[in-house]
Amino acid sequence: MSRLEYDPKDYTGALDHREDHAPGDEPVEDAGHVILNSNLGLGFSVILTVAAFILASTHLIYGPAIPVALIVLAIAQMGVHLVFFLHITTGPDNTNNVLALAFGILVVFLVVLGSIWIMNHLETNMMPMNQLMEMQR
């Protein structure tokens, strides 16, 4: 291999912070780190799931606040899955993943809100049922 003009070290082929590399090219992690992260994510997921079942089946919190508590636990569960299982982080190599996730969320919200808007307008502009029944006779 040739010596790089601007770098006093020989090129070794190993990833280095000085080298240009594609997003997603990261040094290989040892198996213990991956297993630890997966087990930690599994533990958090189980705890959040059990907490949701306990909140829904007991009277630990005020009754009307149960849906809000379940929504909070569901958002926390989504965060655990994104970080521990899908490995979505804020690192520079994950910019495309974060942008794809944000675009997907935007599309889902547009479809859901658009559907609700359309159904609301259909309901308000629909003829009353008794007039519909008279038209069928």
N, C-alpha and C. Protein backbone atom coordinates (compact mmCIF):
# COMPACT_ATOMS: atom_id res chain seq x y z
N MET A 1 0.83 -1.17 0.00
CA MET A 1 0.00 0.00 0.00
C MET A 1 0.88 1.24 0.00
N SER A 2 0.38 2.28 -0.61
CA SER A 2 1.16 3.51 -0.69
C SER A 2 0.93 4.37 0.55
N ARG A 3 1.87 5.23 0.78
CA ARG A 3 1.79 6.12 1.93
C ARG A 3 0.97 7.35 1.51
N LEU A 4 -0.01 7.71 2.35
CA LEU A 4 -0.81 8.89 2.05
C LEU A 4 0.03 10.13 2.27
N GLU A 5 -0.11 11.13 1.40
CA GLU A 5 0.73 12.32 1.46
C GLU A 5 0.46 13.16 2.70
N TYR A 6 -0.78 13.23 3.13
CA TYR A 6 -1.14 14.11 4.23
C TYR A 6 -1.17 13.40 5.58
N ASP A 7 -1.00 12.09 5.57
CA ASP A 7 -1.11 11.31 6.80
C ASP A 7 0.21 10.60 7.06
N PRO A 8 0.81 10.82 8.21
CA PRO A 8 2.08 10.16 8.48
C PRO A 8 1.96 8.66 8.72
N LYS A 9 0.74 8.16 9.01
CA LYS A 9 0.56 6.73 9.26
C LYS A 9 0.23 6.00 7.97
N ASP A 10 0.60 4.74 7.89
CA ASP A 10 0.21 3.92 6.75
C ASP A 10 -1.27 3.59 6.83
N TYR A 11 -1.87 3.41 5.67
CA TYR A 11 -3.27 3.02 5.62
C TYR A 11 -3.39 1.55 6.03
N THR A 12 -4.22 1.28 7.04
CA THR A 12 -4.34 -0.09 7.54
C THR A 12 -5.62 -0.77 7.10
N GLY A 13 -6.57 -0.01 6.60
CA GLY A 13 -7.84 -0.60 6.22
C GLY A 13 -8.85 -0.61 7.35
N ALA A 14 -8.43 -0.31 8.57
CA ALA A 14 -9.33 -0.27 9.72
C ALA A 14 -10.05 1.07 9.74
N LEU A 15 -11.27 1.07 10.24
CA LEU A 15 -12.02 2.31 10.31
C LEU A 15 -11.38 3.23 11.34
N ASP A 16 -11.28 4.48 10.98
CA ASP A 16 -10.62 5.45 11.83
C ASP A 16 -11.41 6.75 11.74
N HIS A 17 -11.36 7.56 12.76
CA HIS A 17 -12.10 8.81 12.73
C HIS A 17 -11.55 9.77 11.67
N ARG A 18 -10.34 9.54 11.18
CA ARG A 18 -9.74 10.39 10.16
C ARG A 18 -10.16 9.98 8.76
N GLU A 19 -10.69 8.81 8.58
CA GLU A 19 -11.00 8.30 7.26
C GLU A 19 -12.44 8.59 6.89
N ASP A 20 -12.68 8.74 5.61
CA ASP A 20 -14.02 8.94 5.12
C ASP A 20 -14.67 7.58 4.94
N HIS A 21 -15.86 7.40 5.50
CA HIS A 21 -16.56 6.12 5.37
C HIS A 21 -18.05 6.35 5.23
N ALA A 22 -18.73 5.34 4.75
CA ALA A 22 -20.16 5.43 4.51
C ALA A 22 -20.93 5.34 5.82
N PRO A 23 -22.12 5.95 5.86
CA PRO A 23 -22.95 5.82 7.06
C PRO A 23 -23.27 4.35 7.33
N GLY A 24 -23.19 3.97 8.56
CA GLY A 24 -23.46 2.59 8.94
C GLY A 24 -22.22 1.75 9.07
N ASP A 25 -21.09 2.21 8.53
CA ASP A 25 -19.83 1.49 8.70
C ASP A 25 -19.28 1.82 10.08
N GLU A 26 -19.48 0.91 10.99
CA GLU A 26 -19.00 1.13 12.35
C GLU A 26 -18.12 -0.03 12.74
N PRO A 27 -17.23 0.19 13.68
CA PRO A 27 -16.42 -0.94 14.15
C PRO A 27 -17.32 -2.04 14.71
N VAL A 28 -16.91 -3.26 14.52
CA VAL A 28 -17.69 -4.40 14.97
C VAL A 28 -17.70 -4.43 16.50
N GLU A 29 -18.90 -4.56 17.07
CA GLU A 29 -19.02 -4.63 18.52
C GLU A 29 -18.92 -6.08 18.95
N ASP A 30 -18.47 -6.30 20.14
CA ASP A 30 -18.38 -7.67 20.64
C ASP A 30 -19.78 -8.18 20.97
N ALA A 31 -19.93 -9.49 21.02
CA ALA A 31 -21.24 -10.12 21.23
C ALA A 31 -21.80 -9.77 22.61
N GLY A 32 -20.94 -9.59 23.59
CA GLY A 32 -21.42 -9.27 24.93
C GLY A 32 -22.16 -7.95 24.98
N HIS A 33 -21.70 -6.97 24.23
CA HIS A 33 -22.35 -5.67 24.20
C HIS A 33 -23.74 -5.77 23.57
N VAL A 34 -23.84 -6.52 22.49
CA VAL A 34 -25.13 -6.69 21.80
C VAL A 34 -26.11 -7.43 22.68
N ILE A 35 -25.66 -8.49 23.33
CA ILE A 35 -26.54 -9.27 24.21
C ILE A 35 -26.99 -8.43 25.41
N LEU A 36 -26.07 -7.65 25.98
CA LEU A 36 -26.42 -6.80 27.11
C LEU A 36 -27.48 -5.78 26.71
N ASN A 37 -27.31 -5.12 25.56
CA ASN A 37 -28.31 -4.15 25.11
C ASN A 37 -29.65 -4.81 24.82
N SER A 38 -29.63 -5.97 24.20
CA SER A 38 -30.89 -6.67 23.90
C SER A 38 -31.61 -7.08 25.18
N ASN A 39 -30.87 -7.59 26.14
CA ASN A 39 -31.50 -7.99 27.40
C ASN A 39 -32.00 -6.79 28.19
N LEU A 40 -31.27 -5.68 28.14
CA LEU A 40 -31.71 -4.47 28.81
C LEU A 40 -33.01 -3.96 28.17
N GLY A 41 -33.06 -3.95 26.84
CA GLY A 41 -34.29 -3.55 26.15
C GLY A 41 -35.45 -4.47 26.45
N LEU A 42 -35.18 -5.78 26.51
CA LEU A 42 -36.23 -6.73 26.86
C LEU A 42 -36.75 -6.48 28.26
N GLY A 43 -35.85 -6.21 29.19
CA GLY A 43 -36.26 -5.93 30.57
C GLY A 43 -37.13 -4.69 30.66
N PHE A 44 -36.72 -3.61 29.99
CA PHE A 44 -37.54 -2.40 29.98
C PHE A 44 -38.90 -2.65 29.35
N SER A 45 -38.93 -3.40 28.26
CA SER A 45 -40.20 -3.70 27.58
C SER A 45 -41.14 -4.49 28.47
N VAL A 46 -40.61 -5.48 29.15
CA VAL A 46 -41.44 -6.30 30.06
C VAL A 46 -41.97 -5.44 31.20
N ILE A 47 -41.11 -4.59 31.77
CA ILE A 47 -41.54 -3.74 32.88
C ILE A 47 -42.64 -2.79 32.44
N LEU A 48 -42.49 -2.18 31.27
CA LEU A 48 -43.52 -1.26 30.78
C LEU A 48 -44.82 -1.98 30.45
N THR A 49 -44.73 -3.19 29.91
CA THR A 49 -45.94 -3.96 29.59
C THR A 49 -46.68 -4.36 30.85
N VAL A 50 -45.94 -4.85 31.84
CA VAL A 50 -46.56 -5.24 33.11
C VAL A 50 -47.17 -4.02 33.79
N ALA A 51 -46.48 -2.88 33.74
CA ALA A 51 -47.01 -1.66 34.35
C ALA A 51 -48.32 -1.24 33.68
N ALA A 52 -48.41 -1.39 32.36
CA ALA A 52 -49.65 -1.05 31.66
C ALA A 52 -50.79 -1.95 32.09
N PHE A 53 -50.53 -3.25 32.20
CA PHE A 53 -51.58 -4.17 32.64
C PHE A 53 -52.00 -3.89 34.07
N ILE A 54 -51.05 -3.57 34.93
CA ILE A 54 -51.39 -3.27 36.33
C ILE A 54 -52.21 -1.99 36.42
N LEU A 55 -51.82 -0.95 35.68
CA LEU A 55 -52.57 0.30 35.71
C LEU A 55 -54.00 0.12 35.19
N ALA A 56 -54.16 -0.70 34.17
CA ALA A 56 -55.48 -0.89 33.58
C ALA A 56 -56.39 -1.75 34.44
N SER A 57 -55.82 -2.63 35.25
CA SER A 57 -56.66 -3.57 36.01
C SER A 57 -56.83 -3.22 37.48
N THR A 58 -56.13 -2.22 37.98
CA THR A 58 -56.27 -1.85 39.39
C THR A 58 -56.70 -0.39 39.50
N HIS A 59 -56.88 0.06 40.72
CA HIS A 59 -57.28 1.44 40.97
C HIS A 59 -56.13 2.23 41.59
N LEU A 60 -54.92 2.07 41.06
CA LEU A 60 -53.76 2.77 41.60
C LEU A 60 -53.79 4.26 41.29
N ILE A 61 -54.36 4.63 40.15
CA ILE A 61 -54.45 6.04 39.80
C ILE A 61 -55.91 6.40 39.56
N TYR A 62 -56.18 7.68 39.50
CA TYR A 62 -57.53 8.19 39.29
C TYR A 62 -58.08 7.67 37.96
N GLY A 63 -59.31 7.21 37.96
CA GLY A 63 -59.92 6.54 36.81
C GLY A 63 -59.81 7.27 35.48
N PRO A 64 -60.21 8.56 35.40
CA PRO A 64 -60.11 9.25 34.12
C PRO A 64 -58.67 9.47 33.63
N ALA A 65 -57.67 9.29 34.50
CA ALA A 65 -56.28 9.48 34.10
C ALA A 65 -55.67 8.21 33.52
N ILE A 66 -56.38 7.11 33.55
CA ILE A 66 -55.84 5.84 33.06
C ILE A 66 -55.49 5.90 31.57
N PRO A 67 -56.34 6.44 30.70
CA PRO A 67 -55.94 6.51 29.28
C PRO A 67 -54.67 7.32 29.05
N VAL A 68 -54.51 8.42 29.79
CA VAL A 68 -53.30 9.24 29.64
C VAL A 68 -52.08 8.45 30.10
N ALA A 69 -52.21 7.74 31.22
CA ALA A 69 -51.09 6.94 31.72
C ALA A 69 -50.73 5.83 30.74
N LEU A 70 -51.72 5.20 30.12
CA LEU A 70 -51.44 4.15 29.15
C LEU A 70 -50.78 4.72 27.89
N ILE A 71 -51.17 5.93 27.49
CA ILE A 71 -50.53 6.56 26.33
C ILE A 71 -49.07 6.87 26.64
N VAL A 72 -48.81 7.35 27.85
CA VAL A 72 -47.42 7.65 28.24
C VAL A 72 -46.59 6.37 28.24
N LEU A 73 -47.14 5.29 28.79
CA LEU A 73 -46.42 4.02 28.80
C LEU A 73 -46.20 3.49 27.38
N ALA A 74 -47.17 3.70 26.49
CA ALA A 74 -47.02 3.24 25.10
C ALA A 74 -45.93 4.03 24.39
N ILE A 75 -45.85 5.33 24.62
CA ILE A 75 -44.79 6.13 24.01
C ILE A 75 -43.43 5.72 24.55
N ALA A 76 -43.36 5.44 25.85
CA ALA A 76 -42.10 4.96 26.42
C ALA A 76 -41.71 3.61 25.82
N GLN A 77 -42.69 2.75 25.61
CA GLN A 77 -42.43 1.44 24.99
C GLN A 77 -41.89 1.62 23.56
N MET A 78 -42.46 2.56 22.80
CA MET A 78 -41.96 2.82 21.45
C MET A 78 -40.52 3.33 21.50
N GLY A 79 -40.22 4.19 22.46
CA GLY A 79 -38.86 4.69 22.61
C GLY A 79 -37.88 3.58 22.92
N VAL A 80 -38.26 2.65 23.79
CA VAL A 80 -37.40 1.52 24.13
C VAL A 80 -37.13 0.67 22.88
N HIS A 81 -38.16 0.41 22.10
CA HIS A 81 -37.99 -0.40 20.89
C HIS A 81 -37.10 0.30 19.87
N LEU A 82 -37.29 1.62 19.72
CA LEU A 82 -36.46 2.35 18.76
C LEU A 82 -35.00 2.35 19.16
N VAL A 83 -34.71 2.52 20.43
CA VAL A 83 -33.32 2.64 20.86
C VAL A 83 -32.64 1.28 20.99
N PHE A 84 -33.29 0.33 21.65
CA PHE A 84 -32.62 -0.92 21.97
C PHE A 84 -32.71 -1.97 20.86
N PHE A 85 -33.78 -1.98 20.09
CA PHE A 85 -33.94 -3.03 19.09
C PHE A 85 -33.70 -2.53 17.67
N LEU A 86 -34.13 -1.31 17.35
CA LEU A 86 -33.89 -0.77 16.01
C LEU A 86 -32.62 0.07 15.96
N HIS A 87 -32.00 0.32 17.09
CA HIS A 87 -30.72 1.04 17.20
C HIS A 87 -30.79 2.42 16.56
N ILE A 88 -31.90 3.12 16.77
CA ILE A 88 -32.05 4.49 16.29
C ILE A 88 -31.45 5.40 17.36
N THR A 89 -30.36 6.08 17.01
CA THR A 89 -29.73 7.01 17.94
C THR A 89 -29.55 8.35 17.24
N THR A 90 -28.95 9.29 17.94
CA THR A 90 -28.74 10.62 17.35
C THR A 90 -27.33 10.77 16.82
N GLY A 91 -26.63 9.67 16.65
CA GLY A 91 -25.27 9.73 16.12
C GLY A 91 -25.25 10.20 14.68
N PRO A 92 -24.10 10.66 14.21
CA PRO A 92 -24.01 11.16 12.83
C PRO A 92 -24.25 10.08 11.78
N ASP A 93 -24.01 8.83 12.12
CA ASP A 93 -24.23 7.75 11.15
C ASP A 93 -25.70 7.35 11.04
N ASN A 94 -26.54 7.84 11.94
CA ASN A 94 -27.95 7.46 11.94
C ASN A 94 -28.87 8.56 11.43
N THR A 95 -28.30 9.55 10.76
CA THR A 95 -29.12 10.66 10.28
C THR A 95 -30.19 10.18 9.30
N ASN A 96 -29.82 9.31 8.39
CA ASN A 96 -30.81 8.81 7.42
C ASN A 96 -31.90 8.01 8.11
N ASN A 97 -31.56 7.23 9.11
CA ASN A 97 -32.57 6.45 9.84
C ASN A 97 -33.54 7.37 10.57
N VAL A 98 -33.03 8.41 11.20
CA VAL A 98 -33.89 9.34 11.93
C VAL A 98 -34.79 10.09 10.96
N LEU A 99 -34.25 10.51 9.82
CA LEU A 99 -35.08 11.21 8.83
C LEU A 99 -36.16 10.29 8.26
N ALA A 100 -35.81 9.04 7.99
CA ALA A 100 -36.81 8.09 7.49
C ALA A 100 -37.90 7.85 8.53
N LEU A 101 -37.52 7.75 9.80
CA LEU A 101 -38.50 7.58 10.87
C LEU A 101 -39.41 8.80 10.97
N ALA A 102 -38.83 10.00 10.91
CA ALA A 102 -39.64 11.22 10.98
C ALA A 102 -40.59 11.32 9.79
N PHE A 103 -40.13 10.96 8.60
CA PHE A 103 -41.00 10.99 7.43
C PHE A 103 -42.13 9.97 7.57
N GLY A 104 -41.82 8.78 8.07
CA GLY A 104 -42.86 7.77 8.28
C GLY A 104 -43.91 8.23 9.28
N ILE A 105 -43.47 8.86 10.35
CA ILE A 105 -44.42 9.38 11.34
C ILE A 105 -45.29 10.48 10.72
N LEU A 106 -44.67 11.35 9.92
CA LEU A 106 -45.43 12.40 9.25
C LEU A 106 -46.50 11.82 8.33
N VAL A 107 -46.15 10.81 7.56
CA VAL A 107 -47.11 10.19 6.64
C VAL A 107 -48.26 9.54 7.42
N VAL A 108 -47.95 8.85 8.50
CA VAL A 108 -49.00 8.21 9.31
C VAL A 108 -49.94 9.26 9.88
N PHE A 109 -49.38 10.35 10.43
CA PHE A 109 -50.23 11.40 10.98
C PHE A 109 -51.08 12.06 9.89
N LEU A 110 -50.53 12.28 8.71
CA LEU A 110 -51.32 12.86 7.63
C LEU A 110 -52.46 11.94 7.21
N VAL A 111 -52.20 10.66 7.13
CA VAL A 111 -53.26 9.72 6.74
C VAL A 111 -54.34 9.64 7.81
N VAL A 112 -53.93 9.55 9.08
CA VAL A 112 -54.91 9.45 10.17
C VAL A 112 -55.72 10.73 10.28
N LEU A 113 -55.05 11.89 10.34
CA LEU A 113 -55.77 13.15 10.47
C LEU A 113 -56.62 13.44 9.24
N GLY A 114 -56.13 13.12 8.05
CA GLY A 114 -56.93 13.31 6.84
C GLY A 114 -58.17 12.43 6.84
N SER A 115 -58.03 11.20 7.30
CA SER A 115 -59.19 10.30 7.36
C SER A 115 -60.23 10.81 8.36
N ILE A 116 -59.75 11.28 9.51
CA ILE A 116 -60.69 11.82 10.51
C ILE A 116 -61.39 13.06 9.97
N TRP A 117 -60.65 13.91 9.26
CA TRP A 117 -61.22 15.13 8.69
C TRP A 117 -62.29 14.78 7.65
N ILE A 118 -61.98 13.82 6.79
CA ILE A 118 -62.94 13.41 5.76
C ILE A 118 -64.19 12.80 6.40
N MET A 119 -64.01 11.93 7.39
CA MET A 119 -65.17 11.31 8.05
C MET A 119 -66.02 12.35 8.76
N ASN A 120 -65.39 13.36 9.36
CA ASN A 120 -66.13 14.41 10.04
C ASN A 120 -66.96 15.20 9.04
N HIS A 121 -66.39 15.55 7.89
CA HIS A 121 -67.15 16.29 6.89
C HIS A 121 -68.26 15.44 6.28
N LEU A 122 -68.03 14.16 6.10
CA LEU A 122 -69.09 13.29 5.60
C LEU A 122 -70.24 13.22 6.59
N GLU A 123 -69.90 13.15 7.87
CA GLU A 123 -70.94 13.04 8.89
C GLU A 123 -71.76 14.32 8.99
N THR A 124 -71.08 15.46 8.89
CA THR A 124 -71.83 16.72 9.00
C THR A 124 -72.64 17.02 7.75
N ASN A 125 -72.23 16.56 6.59
CA ASN A 125 -72.95 16.86 5.34
C ASN A 125 -73.92 15.76 4.94
N MET A 126 -74.04 14.72 5.76
CA MET A 126 -74.92 13.63 5.41
C MET A 126 -76.37 13.98 5.76
N MET A 127 -77.26 13.49 4.94
CA MET A 127 -78.68 13.72 5.16
C MET A 127 -79.14 12.96 6.41
N PRO A 128 -80.05 13.54 7.19
CA PRO A 128 -80.56 12.82 8.37
C PRO A 128 -81.19 11.49 7.98
N MET A 129 -81.15 10.55 8.88
CA MET A 129 -81.58 9.18 8.58
C MET A 129 -83.06 9.09 8.24
N ASN A 130 -83.89 9.88 8.90
CA ASN A 130 -85.33 9.78 8.60
C ASN A 130 -85.62 10.26 7.17
N GLN A 131 -84.90 11.24 6.67
CA GLN A 131 -85.08 11.68 5.28
C GLN A 131 -84.56 10.63 4.30
N LEU A 132 -83.48 9.94 4.65
CA LEU A 132 -82.97 8.87 3.79
C LEU A 132 -84.00 7.73 3.69
N MET A 133 -84.64 7.40 4.81
CA MET A 133 -85.63 6.31 4.81
C MET A 133 -86.86 6.71 3.97
N GLU A 134 -87.26 7.97 4.02
CA GLU A 134 -88.40 8.41 3.22
C GLU A 134 -88.08 8.38 1.72
N MET A 135 -86.83 8.65 1.36
CA MET A 135 -86.44 8.63 -0.05
C MET A 135 -86.46 7.21 -0.62
N GLN A 136 -86.27 6.22 0.21
CA GLN A 136 -86.24 4.83 -0.27
C GLN A 136 -87.62 4.30 -0.54
N ARG A 137 -88.67 4.92 -0.06
CA ARG A 137 -90.04 4.41 -0.24
C ARG A 137 -90.58 4.73 -1.58
